[in-house]
Amino acid sequence: MSAKGENINGLFEADALLDVDTREGSGATHYTEVPAWKQSKNFMKPNEMVCFPKLKLGDRVFNFSTQQAGLMARTDNDASLGDGTPCESASNKSLQADSMVLANGEER
């Protein structure tokens, strides 16, 4: 995904939103384990936005990348922030979550 995003039509670039595996044994269950997990999966490109952990709102669990993609789209399409022109970062904007969890539902 990140390789395709590096060069779109020779003119545009895109970021790849990637989720860290948060399962016990195969993934990272603590933020200090994320760098080693990223290196083992070769997630090292500048256009890769690696998301950790999962987000939970009520009983629903979301991949962090799903929430991030929605937040980026909402920010890009906000009339007061460019009205469809991506000129504002989605950082410092509120996610729709009340907790952060691992794949097994354990809160972080």
PDB file of N, CA and C in Angstrom:
ATOM      1  N   MET A   1       0.822  -1.175   0.000  1.00  0.00           N
ATOM      2  CA  MET A   1       0.000   0.000   0.000  1.00  0.00           C
ATOM      3  C   MET A   1       0.878   1.255   0.000  1.00  0.00           C
ATOM      4  N   SER A   2       1.921   1.239   0.796  1.00  0.00           N
ATOM      5  CA  SER A   2       2.776   2.426   0.864  1.00  0.00           C
ATOM      6  C   SER A   2       3.552   2.625  -0.431  1.00  0.00           C
ATOM      7  N   ALA A   3       3.928   1.536  -1.100  1.00  0.00           N
ATOM      8  CA  ALA A   3       4.640   1.663  -2.373  1.00  0.00           C
ATOM      9  C   ALA A   3       3.749   2.328  -3.422  1.00  0.00           C
ATOM     10  N   LYS A   4       2.478   1.972  -3.456  1.00  0.00           N
ATOM     11  CA  LYS A   4       1.539   2.591  -4.403  1.00  0.00           C
ATOM     12  C   LYS A   4       1.316   4.062  -4.070  1.00  0.00           C
ATOM     13  N   GLY A   5       1.354   4.401  -2.783  1.00  0.00           N
ATOM     14  CA  GLY A   5       1.116   5.767  -2.367  1.00  0.00           C
ATOM     15  C   GLY A   5       2.281   6.707  -2.596  1.00  0.00           C
ATOM     16  N   GLU A   6       3.468   6.159  -2.830  1.00  0.00           N
ATOM     17  CA  GLU A   6       4.646   6.999  -3.033  1.00  0.00           C
ATOM     18  C   GLU A   6       4.566   7.824  -4.310  1.00  0.00           C
ATOM     19  N   ASN A   7       3.866   7.315  -5.302  1.00  0.00           N
ATOM     20  CA  ASN A   7       3.826   7.998  -6.588  1.00  0.00           C
ATOM     21  C   ASN A   7       2.533   7.644  -7.317  1.00  0.00           C
ATOM     22  N   ILE A   8       1.570   8.554  -7.249  1.00  0.00           N
ATOM     23  CA  ILE A   8       0.294   8.336  -7.925  1.00  0.00           C
ATOM     24  C   ILE A   8       0.287   9.198  -9.186  1.00  0.00           C
ATOM     25  N   ASN A   9       0.260   8.561 -10.339  1.00  0.00           N
ATOM     26  CA  ASN A   9       0.260   9.256 -11.633  1.00  0.00           C
ATOM     27  C   ASN A   9       1.471  10.163 -11.814  1.00  0.00           C
ATOM     28  N   GLY A  10       2.541   9.902 -11.082  1.00  0.00           N
ATOM     29  CA  GLY A  10       3.736  10.721 -11.209  1.00  0.00           C
ATOM     30  C   GLY A  10       3.590  12.128 -10.666  1.00  0.00           C
ATOM     31  N   LEU A  11       2.474  12.408  -9.993  1.00  0.00           N
ATOM     32  CA  LEU A  11       2.199  13.766  -9.557  1.00  0.00           C
ATOM     33  C   LEU A  11       1.843  13.872  -8.080  1.00  0.00           C
ATOM     34  N   PHE A  12       1.113  12.914  -7.561  1.00  0.00           N
ATOM     35  CA  PHE A  12       0.614  12.988  -6.195  1.00  0.00           C
ATOM     36  C   PHE A  12       1.246  11.923  -5.315  1.00  0.00           C
ATOM     37  N   GLU A  13       1.217  12.172  -4.016  1.00  0.00           N
ATOM     38  CA  GLU A  13       1.664  11.204  -3.033  1.00  0.00           C
ATOM     39  C   GLU A  13       0.542  10.963  -2.031  1.00  0.00           C
ATOM     40  N   ALA A  14       0.547   9.809  -1.424  1.00  0.00           N
ATOM     41  CA  ALA A  14      -0.471   9.481  -0.422  1.00  0.00           C
ATOM     42  C   ALA A  14       0.192   8.749   0.735  1.00  0.00           C
ATOM     43  N   ASP A  15      -0.443   8.812   1.886  1.00  0.00           N
ATOM     44  CA  ASP A  15       0.019   8.077   3.055  1.00  0.00           C
ATOM     45  C   ASP A  15      -0.738   6.761   3.164  1.00  0.00           C
ATOM     46  N   ALA A  16      -0.071   5.758   3.685  1.00  0.00           N
ATOM     47  CA  ALA A  16      -0.699   4.470   3.954  1.00  0.00           C
ATOM     48  C   ALA A  16      -0.993   4.386   5.446  1.00  0.00           C
ATOM     49  N   LEU A  17      -2.233   4.110   5.791  1.00  0.00           N
ATOM     50  CA  LEU A  17      -2.619   3.935   7.194  1.00  0.00           C
ATOM     51  C   LEU A  17      -2.532   2.451   7.517  1.00  0.00           C
ATOM     52  N   LEU A  18      -1.657   2.098   8.439  1.00  0.00           N
ATOM     53  CA  LEU A  18      -1.393   0.702   8.771  1.00  0.00           C
ATOM     54  C   LEU A  18      -1.621   0.470  10.258  1.00  0.00           C
ATOM     55  N   ASP A  19      -2.194  -0.663  10.610  1.00  0.00           N
ATOM     56  CA  ASP A  19      -2.453  -1.001  12.009  1.00  0.00           C
ATOM     57  C   ASP A  19      -1.432  -2.008  12.517  1.00  0.00           C
ATOM     58  N   VAL A  20      -1.015  -1.820  13.752  1.00  0.00           N
ATOM     59  CA  VAL A  20      -0.145  -2.772  14.430  1.00  0.00           C
ATOM     60  C   VAL A  20      -0.995  -3.943  14.896  1.00  0.00           C
ATOM     61  N   ASP A  21      -0.505  -5.148  14.691  1.00  0.00           N
ATOM     62  CA  ASP A  21      -1.160  -6.347  15.211  1.00  0.00           C
ATOM     63  C   ASP A  21      -1.064  -6.287  16.732  1.00  0.00           C
ATOM     64  N   THR A  22      -2.191  -6.358  17.417  1.00  0.00           N
ATOM     65  CA  THR A  22      -2.192  -6.260  18.882  1.00  0.00           C
ATOM     66  C   THR A  22      -2.529  -7.595  19.551  1.00  0.00           C
ATOM     67  N   ARG A  23      -2.369  -8.698  18.822  1.00  0.00           N
ATOM     68  CA  ARG A  23      -2.626 -10.017  19.410  1.00  0.00           C
ATOM     69  C   ARG A  23      -1.417 -10.474  20.225  1.00  0.00           C
ATOM     70  N   GLU A  24      -1.691 -11.147  21.303  1.00  0.00           N
ATOM     71  CA  GLU A  24      -0.638 -11.706  22.156  1.00  0.00           C
ATOM     72  C   GLU A  24       0.164 -12.719  21.349  1.00  0.00           C
ATOM     73  N   GLY A  25       1.466 -12.618  21.389  1.00  0.00           N
ATOM     74  CA  GLY A  25       2.328 -13.578  20.701  1.00  0.00           C
ATOM     75  C   GLY A  25       2.775 -13.134  19.323  1.00  0.00           C
ATOM     76  N   SER A  26       1.861 -12.658  18.491  1.00  0.00           N
ATOM     77  CA  SER A  26       2.232 -12.288  17.129  1.00  0.00           C
ATOM     78  C   SER A  26       2.373 -10.787  16.924  1.00  0.00           C
ATOM     79  N   GLY A  27       1.899 -10.002  17.870  1.00  0.00           N
ATOM     80  CA  GLY A  27       1.922  -8.561  17.697  1.00  0.00           C
ATOM     81  C   GLY A  27       2.569  -7.844  18.862  1.00  0.00           C
ATOM     82  N   ALA A  28       2.241  -6.573  18.998  1.00  0.00           N
ATOM     83  CA  ALA A  28       2.740  -5.740  20.081  1.00  0.00           C
ATOM     84  C   ALA A  28       1.588  -5.469  21.046  1.00  0.00           C
ATOM     85  N   THR A  29       1.827  -5.697  22.313  1.00  0.00           N
ATOM     86  CA  THR A  29       0.785  -5.455  23.309  1.00  0.00           C
ATOM     87  C   THR A  29       1.117  -4.268  24.206  1.00  0.00           C
ATOM     88  N   HIS A  30       2.284  -3.681  24.017  1.00  0.00           N
ATOM     89  CA  HIS A  30       2.706  -2.498  24.766  1.00  0.00           C
ATOM     90  C   HIS A  30       3.412  -1.572  23.781  1.00  0.00           C
ATOM     91  N   TYR A  31       3.271  -0.273  23.984  1.00  0.00           N
ATOM     92  CA  TYR A  31       3.829   0.667  23.011  1.00  0.00           C
ATOM     93  C   TYR A  31       5.345   0.523  22.854  1.00  0.00           C
ATOM     94  N   THR A  32       6.038   0.024  23.854  1.00  0.00           N
ATOM     95  CA  THR A  32       7.485  -0.152  23.733  1.00  0.00           C
ATOM     96  C   THR A  32       7.851  -1.282  22.773  1.00  0.00           C
ATOM     97  N   GLU A  33       6.908  -2.160  22.462  1.00  0.00           N
ATOM     98  CA  GLU A  33       7.146  -3.266  21.530  1.00  0.00           C
ATOM     99  C   GLU A  33       6.879  -2.877  20.085  1.00  0.00           C
ATOM    100  N   VAL A  34       6.261  -1.736  19.862  1.00  0.00           N
ATOM    101  CA  VAL A  34       5.868  -1.325  18.518  1.00  0.00           C
ATOM    102  C   VAL A  34       7.070  -1.118  17.593  1.00  0.00           C
ATOM    103  N   PRO A  35       8.142  -0.431  17.995  1.00  0.00           N
ATOM    104  CA  PRO A  35       9.267  -0.255  17.065  1.00  0.00           C
ATOM    105  C   PRO A  35       9.845  -1.576  16.548  1.00  0.00           C
ATOM    106  N   ALA A  36      10.013  -2.563  17.422  1.00  0.00           N
ATOM    107  CA  ALA A  36      10.535  -3.868  16.987  1.00  0.00           C
ATOM    108  C   ALA A  36       9.546  -4.559  16.053  1.00  0.00           C
ATOM    109  N   TRP A  37       8.238  -4.448  16.348  1.00  0.00           N
ATOM    110  CA  TRP A  37       7.223  -5.057  15.483  1.00  0.00           C
ATOM    111  C   TRP A  37       7.248  -4.400  14.103  1.00  0.00           C
ATOM    112  N   LYS A  38       7.329  -3.059  14.088  1.00  0.00           N
ATOM    113  CA  LYS A  38       7.397  -2.336  12.811  1.00  0.00           C
ATOM    114  C   LYS A  38       8.598  -2.782  11.993  1.00  0.00           C
ATOM    115  N   GLN A  39       9.743  -2.914  12.640  1.00  0.00           N
ATOM    116  CA  GLN A  39      10.957  -3.320  11.929  1.00  0.00           C
ATOM    117  C   GLN A  39      10.820  -4.745  11.395  1.00  0.00           C
ATOM    118  N   SER A  40      10.193  -5.638  12.169  1.00  0.00           N
ATOM    119  CA  SER A  40      10.021  -7.023  11.710  1.00  0.00           C
ATOM    120  C   SER A  40       9.094  -7.106  10.498  1.00  0.00           C
ATOM    121  N   LYS A  41       8.185  -6.151  10.364  1.00  0.00           N
ATOM    122  CA  LYS A  41       7.259  -6.115   9.228  1.00  0.00           C
ATOM    123  C   LYS A  41       7.731  -5.163   8.129  1.00  0.00           C
ATOM    124  N   ASN A  42       8.888  -4.547   8.336  1.00  0.00           N
ATOM    125  CA  ASN A  42       9.474  -3.599   7.383  1.00  0.00           C
ATOM    126  C   ASN A  42       8.560  -2.390   7.146  1.00  0.00           C
ATOM    127  N   PHE A  43       7.936  -1.906   8.205  1.00  0.00           N
ATOM    128  CA  PHE A  43       7.115  -0.690   8.149  1.00  0.00           C
ATOM    129  C   PHE A  43       8.005   0.486   8.530  1.00  0.00           C
ATOM    130  N   MET A  44       8.782   0.983   7.581  1.00  0.00           N
ATOM    131  CA  MET A  44       9.760   2.028   7.882  1.00  0.00           C
ATOM    132  C   MET A  44       9.719   3.204   6.920  1.00  0.00           C
ATOM    133  N   LYS A  45       8.783   3.219   5.992  1.00  0.00           N
ATOM    134  CA  LYS A  45       8.740   4.286   5.000  1.00  0.00           C
ATOM    135  C   LYS A  45       8.127   5.560   5.593  1.00  0.00           C
ATOM    136  N   PRO A  46       8.557   6.715   5.122  1.00  0.00           N
ATOM    137  CA  PRO A  46       8.031   7.979   5.647  1.00  0.00           C
ATOM    138  C   PRO A  46       6.532   8.177   5.406  1.00  0.00           C
ATOM    139  N   ASN A  47       5.979   7.540   4.392  1.00  0.00           N
ATOM    140  CA  ASN A  47       4.557   7.737   4.092  1.00  0.00           C
ATOM    141  C   ASN A  47       3.660   6.708   4.779  1.00  0.00           C
ATOM    142  N   GLU A  48       4.199   5.960   5.733  1.00  0.00           N
ATOM    143  CA  GLU A  48       3.413   4.975   6.469  1.00  0.00           C
ATOM    144  C   GLU A  48       3.024   5.546   7.830  1.00  0.00           C
ATOM    145  N   MET A  49       1.733   5.630   8.074  1.00  0.00           N
ATOM    146  CA  MET A  49       1.219   6.061   9.368  1.00  0.00           C
ATOM    147  C   MET A  49       0.794   4.797  10.112  1.00  0.00           C
ATOM    148  N   VAL A  50       1.612   4.393  11.060  1.00  0.00           N
ATOM    149  CA  VAL A  50       1.368   3.149  11.784  1.00  0.00           C
ATOM    150  C   VAL A  50       0.567   3.460  13.048  1.00  0.00           C
ATOM    151  N   CYS A  51      -0.583   2.802  13.190  1.00  0.00           N
ATOM    152  CA  CYS A  51      -1.540   3.100  14.258  1.00  0.00           C
ATOM    153  C   CYS A  51      -1.538   2.003  15.321  1.00  0.00           C
ATOM    154  N   PHE A  52      -1.517   2.409  16.588  1.00  0.00           N
ATOM    155  CA  PHE A  52      -1.522   1.480  17.722  1.00  0.00           C
ATOM    156  C   PHE A  52      -2.237   2.130  18.880  1.00  0.00           C
ATOM    157  N   PRO A  53      -3.020   1.447  19.671  1.00  0.00           N
ATOM    158  CA  PRO A  53      -3.621   0.127  19.482  1.00  0.00           C
ATOM    159  C   PRO A  53      -4.958   0.261  18.774  1.00  0.00           C
ATOM    160  N   LYS A  54      -5.950  -0.503  19.191  1.00  0.00           N
ATOM    161  CA  LYS A  54      -7.312  -0.365  18.670  1.00  0.00           C
ATOM    162  C   LYS A  54      -8.058   0.655  19.521  1.00  0.00           C
ATOM    163  N   LEU A  55      -9.169   1.166  19.010  1.00  0.00           N
ATOM    164  CA  LEU A  55      -9.986   2.127  19.747  1.00  0.00           C
ATOM    165  C   LEU A  55     -11.345   1.510  20.028  1.00  0.00           C
ATOM    166  N   LYS A  56     -11.925   1.897  21.149  1.00  0.00           N
ATOM    167  CA  LYS A  56     -13.222   1.355  21.538  1.00  0.00           C
ATOM    168  C   LYS A  56     -14.163   2.501  21.873  1.00  0.00           C
ATOM    169  N   LEU A  57     -15.386   2.413  21.383  1.00  0.00           N
ATOM    170  CA  LEU A  57     -16.441   3.364  21.701  1.00  0.00           C
ATOM    171  C   LEU A  57     -17.649   2.548  22.126  1.00  0.00           C
ATOM    172  N   GLY A  58     -17.973   2.604  23.411  1.00  0.00           N
ATOM    173  CA  GLY A  58     -19.033   1.747  23.941  1.00  0.00           C
ATOM    174  C   GLY A  58     -18.601   0.296  23.836  1.00  0.00           C
ATOM    175  N   ASP A  59     -19.379  -0.513  23.114  1.00  0.00           N
ATOM    176  CA  ASP A  59     -19.052  -1.923  22.918  1.00  0.00           C
ATOM    177  C   ASP A  59     -18.368  -2.186  21.583  1.00  0.00           C
ATOM    178  N   ARG A  60     -18.240  -1.174  20.751  1.00  0.00           N
ATOM    179  CA  ARG A  60     -17.673  -1.349  19.410  1.00  0.00           C
ATOM    180  C   ARG A  60     -16.171  -1.104  19.426  1.00  0.00           C
ATOM    181  N   VAL A  61     -15.421  -2.003  18.787  1.00  0.00           N
ATOM    182  CA  VAL A  61     -13.970  -1.899  18.686  1.00  0.00           C
ATOM    183  C   VAL A  61     -13.612  -1.581  17.237  1.00  0.00           C
ATOM    184  N   PHE A  62     -12.745  -0.600  17.055  1.00  0.00           N
ATOM    185  CA  PHE A  62     -12.331  -0.148  15.720  1.00  0.00           C
ATOM    186  C   PHE A  62     -10.818  -0.254  15.588  1.00  0.00           C
ATOM    187  N   ASN A  63     -10.349  -0.533  14.378  1.00  0.00           N
ATOM    188  CA  ASN A  63      -8.933  -0.343  14.098  1.00  0.00           C
ATOM    189  C   ASN A  63      -8.662   1.148  14.175  1.00  0.00           C
ATOM    190  N   PHE A  64      -7.532   1.524  14.718  1.00  0.00           N
ATOM    191  CA  PHE A  64      -7.180   2.930  14.838  1.00  0.00           C
ATOM    192  C   PHE A  64      -7.157   3.577  13.454  1.00  0.00           C
ATOM    193  N   SER A  65      -6.687   2.841  12.438  1.00  0.00           N
ATOM    194  CA  SER A  65      -6.599   3.397  11.085  1.00  0.00           C
ATOM    195  C   SER A  65      -7.973   3.761  10.528  1.00  0.00           C
ATOM    196  N   THR A  66      -9.005   3.026  10.907  1.00  0.00           N
ATOM    197  CA  THR A  66     -10.367   3.334  10.461  1.00  0.00           C
ATOM    198  C   THR A  66     -10.809   4.681  11.005  1.00  0.00           C
ATOM    199  N   GLN A  67     -10.581   4.897  12.291  1.00  0.00           N
ATOM    200  CA  GLN A  67     -10.925   6.181  12.907  1.00  0.00           C
ATOM    201  C   GLN A  67     -10.090   7.304  12.299  1.00  0.00           C
ATOM    202  N   GLN A  68      -8.793   7.051  12.091  1.00  0.00           N
ATOM    203  CA  GLN A  68      -7.895   8.072  11.539  1.00  0.00           C
ATOM    204  C   GLN A  68      -8.312   8.456  10.125  1.00  0.00           C
ATOM    205  N   ALA A  69      -8.665   7.483   9.302  1.00  0.00           N
ATOM    206  CA  ALA A  69      -9.090   7.771   7.929  1.00  0.00           C
ATOM    207  C   ALA A  69     -10.355   8.622   7.918  1.00  0.00           C
ATOM    208  N   GLY A  70     -11.311   8.282   8.770  1.00  0.00           N
ATOM    209  CA  GLY A  70     -12.538   9.067   8.854  1.00  0.00           C
ATOM    210  C   GLY A  70     -12.282  10.480   9.330  1.00  0.00           C
ATOM    211  N   LEU A  71     -11.412  10.619  10.314  1.00  0.00           N
ATOM    212  CA  LEU A  71     -11.074  11.940  10.845  1.00  0.00           C
ATOM    213  C   LEU A  71     -10.363  12.785   9.793  1.00  0.00           C
ATOM    214  N   MET A  72      -9.477  12.173   9.028  1.00  0.00           N
ATOM    215  CA  MET A  72      -8.773  12.901   7.966  1.00  0.00           C
ATOM    216  C   MET A  72      -9.755  13.361   6.887  1.00  0.00           C
ATOM    217  N   ALA A  73     -10.684  12.484   6.508  1.00  0.00           N
ATOM    218  CA  ALA A  73     -11.673  12.852   5.486  1.00  0.00           C
ATOM    219  C   ALA A  73     -12.579  13.977   5.979  1.00  0.00           C
ATOM    220  N   ARG A  74     -13.014  13.879   7.244  1.00  0.00           N
ATOM    221  CA  ARG A  74     -13.871  14.930   7.796  1.00  0.00           C
ATOM    222  C   ARG A  74     -13.135  16.269   7.848  1.00  0.00           C
ATOM    223  N   THR A  75     -11.875  16.241   8.255  1.00  0.00           N
ATOM    224  CA  THR A  75     -11.076  17.469   8.327  1.00  0.00           C
ATOM    225  C   THR A  75     -10.878  18.061   6.927  1.00  0.00           C
ATOM    226  N   ASP A  76     -10.577  17.220   5.950  1.00  0.00           N
ATOM    227  CA  ASP A  76     -10.359  17.696   4.583  1.00  0.00           C
ATOM    228  C   ASP A  76     -11.612  18.315   3.974  1.00  0.00           C
ATOM    229  N   ASN A  77     -12.786  17.824   4.374  1.00  0.00           N
ATOM    230  CA  ASN A  77     -14.032  18.298   3.772  1.00  0.00           C
ATOM    231  C   ASN A  77     -14.754  19.359   4.593  1.00  0.00           C
ATOM    232  N   ASP A  78     -14.195  19.755   5.716  1.00  0.00           N
ATOM    233  CA  ASP A  78     -14.792  20.782   6.561  1.00  0.00           C
ATOM    234  C   ASP A  78     -14.731  22.137   5.842  1.00  0.00           C
ATOM    235  N   ALA A  79     -15.857  22.795   5.726  1.00  0.00           N
ATOM    236  CA  ALA A  79     -15.929  24.072   5.005  1.00  0.00           C
ATOM    237  C   ALA A  79     -15.016  25.136   5.605  1.00  0.00           C
ATOM    238  N   SER A  80     -14.858  25.130   6.921  1.00  0.00           N
ATOM    239  CA  SER A  80     -14.015  26.141   7.555  1.00  0.00           C
ATOM    240  C   SER A  80     -12.529  25.802   7.487  1.00  0.00           C
ATOM    241  N   LEU A  81     -12.201  24.598   7.019  1.00  0.00           N
ATOM    242  CA  LEU A  81     -10.799  24.169   6.944  1.00  0.00           C
ATOM    243  C   LEU A  81     -10.378  23.847   5.514  1.00  0.00           C
ATOM    244  N   GLY A  82     -10.863  24.570   4.538  1.00  0.00           N
ATOM    245  CA  GLY A  82     -10.432  24.349   3.160  1.00  0.00           C
ATOM    246  C   GLY A  82     -11.519  23.868   2.229  1.00  0.00           C
ATOM    247  N   ASP A  83     -12.652  23.433   2.769  1.00  0.00           N
ATOM    248  CA  ASP A  83     -13.807  23.018   1.963  1.00  0.00           C
ATOM    249  C   ASP A  83     -13.438  22.030   0.856  1.00  0.00           C
ATOM    250  N   GLY A  84     -12.835  20.924   1.237  1.00  0.00           N
ATOM    251  CA  GLY A  84     -12.494  19.890   0.265  1.00  0.00           C
ATOM    252  C   GLY A  84     -11.050  19.927  -0.184  1.00  0.00           C
ATOM    253  N   THR A  85     -10.311  20.948   0.211  1.00  0.00           N
ATOM    254  CA  THR A  85      -8.898  21.035  -0.120  1.00  0.00           C
ATOM    255  C   THR A  85      -8.100  20.584   1.099  1.00  0.00           C
ATOM    256  N   PRO A  86      -7.336  19.504   0.998  1.00  0.00           N
ATOM    257  CA  PRO A  86      -6.603  19.014   2.162  1.00  0.00           C
ATOM    258  C   PRO A  86      -5.457  19.954   2.541  1.00  0.00           C
ATOM    259  N   CYS A  87      -5.760  20.908   3.406  1.00  0.00           N
ATOM    260  CA  CYS A  87      -4.744  21.883   3.805  1.00  0.00           C
ATOM    261  C   CYS A  87      -4.580  21.947   5.312  1.00  0.00           C
ATOM    262  N   GLU A  88      -5.309  21.141   6.048  1.00  0.00           N
ATOM    263  CA  GLU A  88      -5.266  21.139   7.512  1.00  0.00           C
ATOM    264  C   GLU A  88      -4.979  19.724   7.985  1.00  0.00           C
ATOM    265  N   SER A  89      -4.131  19.591   8.979  1.00  0.00           N
ATOM    266  CA  SER A  89      -3.798  18.283   9.534  1.00  0.00           C
ATOM    267  C   SER A  89      -4.924  17.790  10.445  1.00  0.00           C
ATOM    268  N   ALA A  90      -5.109  16.492  10.474  1.00  0.00           N
ATOM    269  CA  ALA A  90      -6.112  15.904  11.366  1.00  0.00           C
ATOM    270  C   ALA A  90      -5.560  15.691  12.772  1.00  0.00           C
ATOM    271  N   SER A  91      -4.303  16.043  12.987  1.00  0.00           N
ATOM    272  CA  SER A  91      -3.759  15.915  14.338  1.00  0.00           C
ATOM    273  C   SER A  91      -4.454  16.926  15.248  1.00  0.00           C
ATOM    274  N   ASN A  92      -4.508  16.617  16.496  1.00  0.00           N
ATOM    275  CA  ASN A  92      -5.180  17.448  17.499  1.00  0.00           C
ATOM    276  C   ASN A  92      -6.683  17.569  17.267  1.00  0.00           C
ATOM    277  N   LYS A  93      -7.262  16.644  16.543  1.00  0.00           N
ATOM    278  CA  LYS A  93      -8.710  16.567  16.372  1.00  0.00           C
ATOM    279  C   LYS A  93      -9.194  15.365  17.176  1.00  0.00           C
ATOM    280  N   SER A  94     -10.424  15.400  17.637  1.00  0.00           N
ATOM    281  CA  SER A  94     -10.951  14.364  18.523  1.00  0.00           C
ATOM    282  C   SER A  94     -11.367  13.104  17.773  1.00  0.00           C
ATOM    283  N   LEU A  95     -10.898  11.961  18.270  1.00  0.00           N
ATOM    284  CA  LEU A  95     -11.342  10.666  17.769  1.00  0.00           C
ATOM    285  C   LEU A  95     -12.644  10.304  18.470  1.00  0.00           C
ATOM    286  N   GLN A  96     -13.405   9.402  17.893  1.00  0.00           N
ATOM    287  CA  GLN A  96     -14.643   8.923  18.499  1.00  0.00           C
ATOM    288  C   GLN A  96     -14.333   7.650  19.272  1.00  0.00           C
ATOM    289  N   ALA A  97     -13.794   7.821  20.482  1.00  0.00           N
ATOM    290  CA  ALA A  97     -13.400   6.670  21.287  1.00  0.00           C
ATOM    291  C   ALA A  97     -13.466   7.030  22.760  1.00  0.00           C
ATOM    292  N   ASP A  98     -13.725   6.025  23.593  1.00  0.00           N
ATOM    293  CA  ASP A  98     -13.679   6.246  25.026  1.00  0.00           C
ATOM    294  C   ASP A  98     -12.619   5.393  25.713  1.00  0.00           C
ATOM    295  N   SER A  99     -11.948   4.522  24.941  1.00  0.00           N
ATOM    296  CA  SER A  99     -10.826   3.765  25.493  1.00  0.00           C
ATOM    297  C   SER A  99      -9.981   3.195  24.355  1.00  0.00           C
ATOM    298  N   MET A 100      -8.793   2.738  24.728  1.00  0.00           N
ATOM    299  CA  MET A 100      -7.881   2.084  23.790  1.00  0.00           C
ATOM    300  C   MET A 100      -7.719   0.651  24.253  1.00  0.00           C
ATOM    301  N   VAL A 101      -7.815  -0.302  23.318  1.00  0.00           N
ATOM    302  CA  VAL A 101      -7.790  -1.715  23.685  1.00  0.00           C
ATOM    303  C   VAL A 101      -6.882  -2.510  22.755  1.00  0.00           C
ATOM    304  N   LEU A 102      -6.548  -3.722  23.201  1.00  0.00           N
ATOM    305  CA  LEU A 102      -5.822  -4.678  22.380  1.00  0.00           C
ATOM    306  C   LEU A 102      -6.839  -5.557  21.657  1.00  0.00           C
ATOM    307  N   ALA A 103      -6.356  -6.467  20.826  1.00  0.00           N
ATOM    308  CA  ALA A 103      -7.242  -7.350  20.066  1.00  0.00           C
ATOM    309  C   ALA A 103      -8.125  -8.202  20.972  1.00  0.00           C
ATOM    310  N   ASN A 104      -7.632  -8.559  22.163  1.00  0.00           N
ATOM    311  CA  ASN A 104      -8.413  -9.383  23.083  1.00  0.00           C
ATOM    312  C   ASN A 104      -9.388  -8.574  23.935  1.00  0.00           C
ATOM    313  N   GLY A 105      -9.435  -7.247  23.730  1.00  0.00           N
ATOM    314  CA  GLY A 105     -10.349  -6.388  24.463  1.00  0.00           C
ATOM    315  C   GLY A 105      -9.768  -5.783  25.731  1.00  0.00           C
ATOM    316  N   GLU A 106      -8.532  -6.177  26.076  1.00  0.00           N
ATOM    317  CA  GLU A 106      -7.885  -5.629  27.274  1.00  0.00           C
ATOM    318  C   GLU A 106      -7.570  -4.153  27.072  1.00  0.00           C
ATOM    319  N   GLU A 107      -7.987  -3.353  28.032  1.00  0.00           N
ATOM    320  CA  GLU A 107      -7.794  -1.905  27.929  1.00  0.00           C
ATOM    321  C   GLU A 107      -6.330  -1.544  28.163  1.00  0.00           C
ATOM    322  N   ARG A 108      -5.865  -0.583  27.401  1.00  0.00           N
ATOM    323  CA  ARG A 108      -4.493  -0.066  27.538  1.00  0.00           C
ATOM    324  C   ARG A 108      -4.513   1.281  28.148  1.00  0.00           C
TER     325      ARG A 108
END
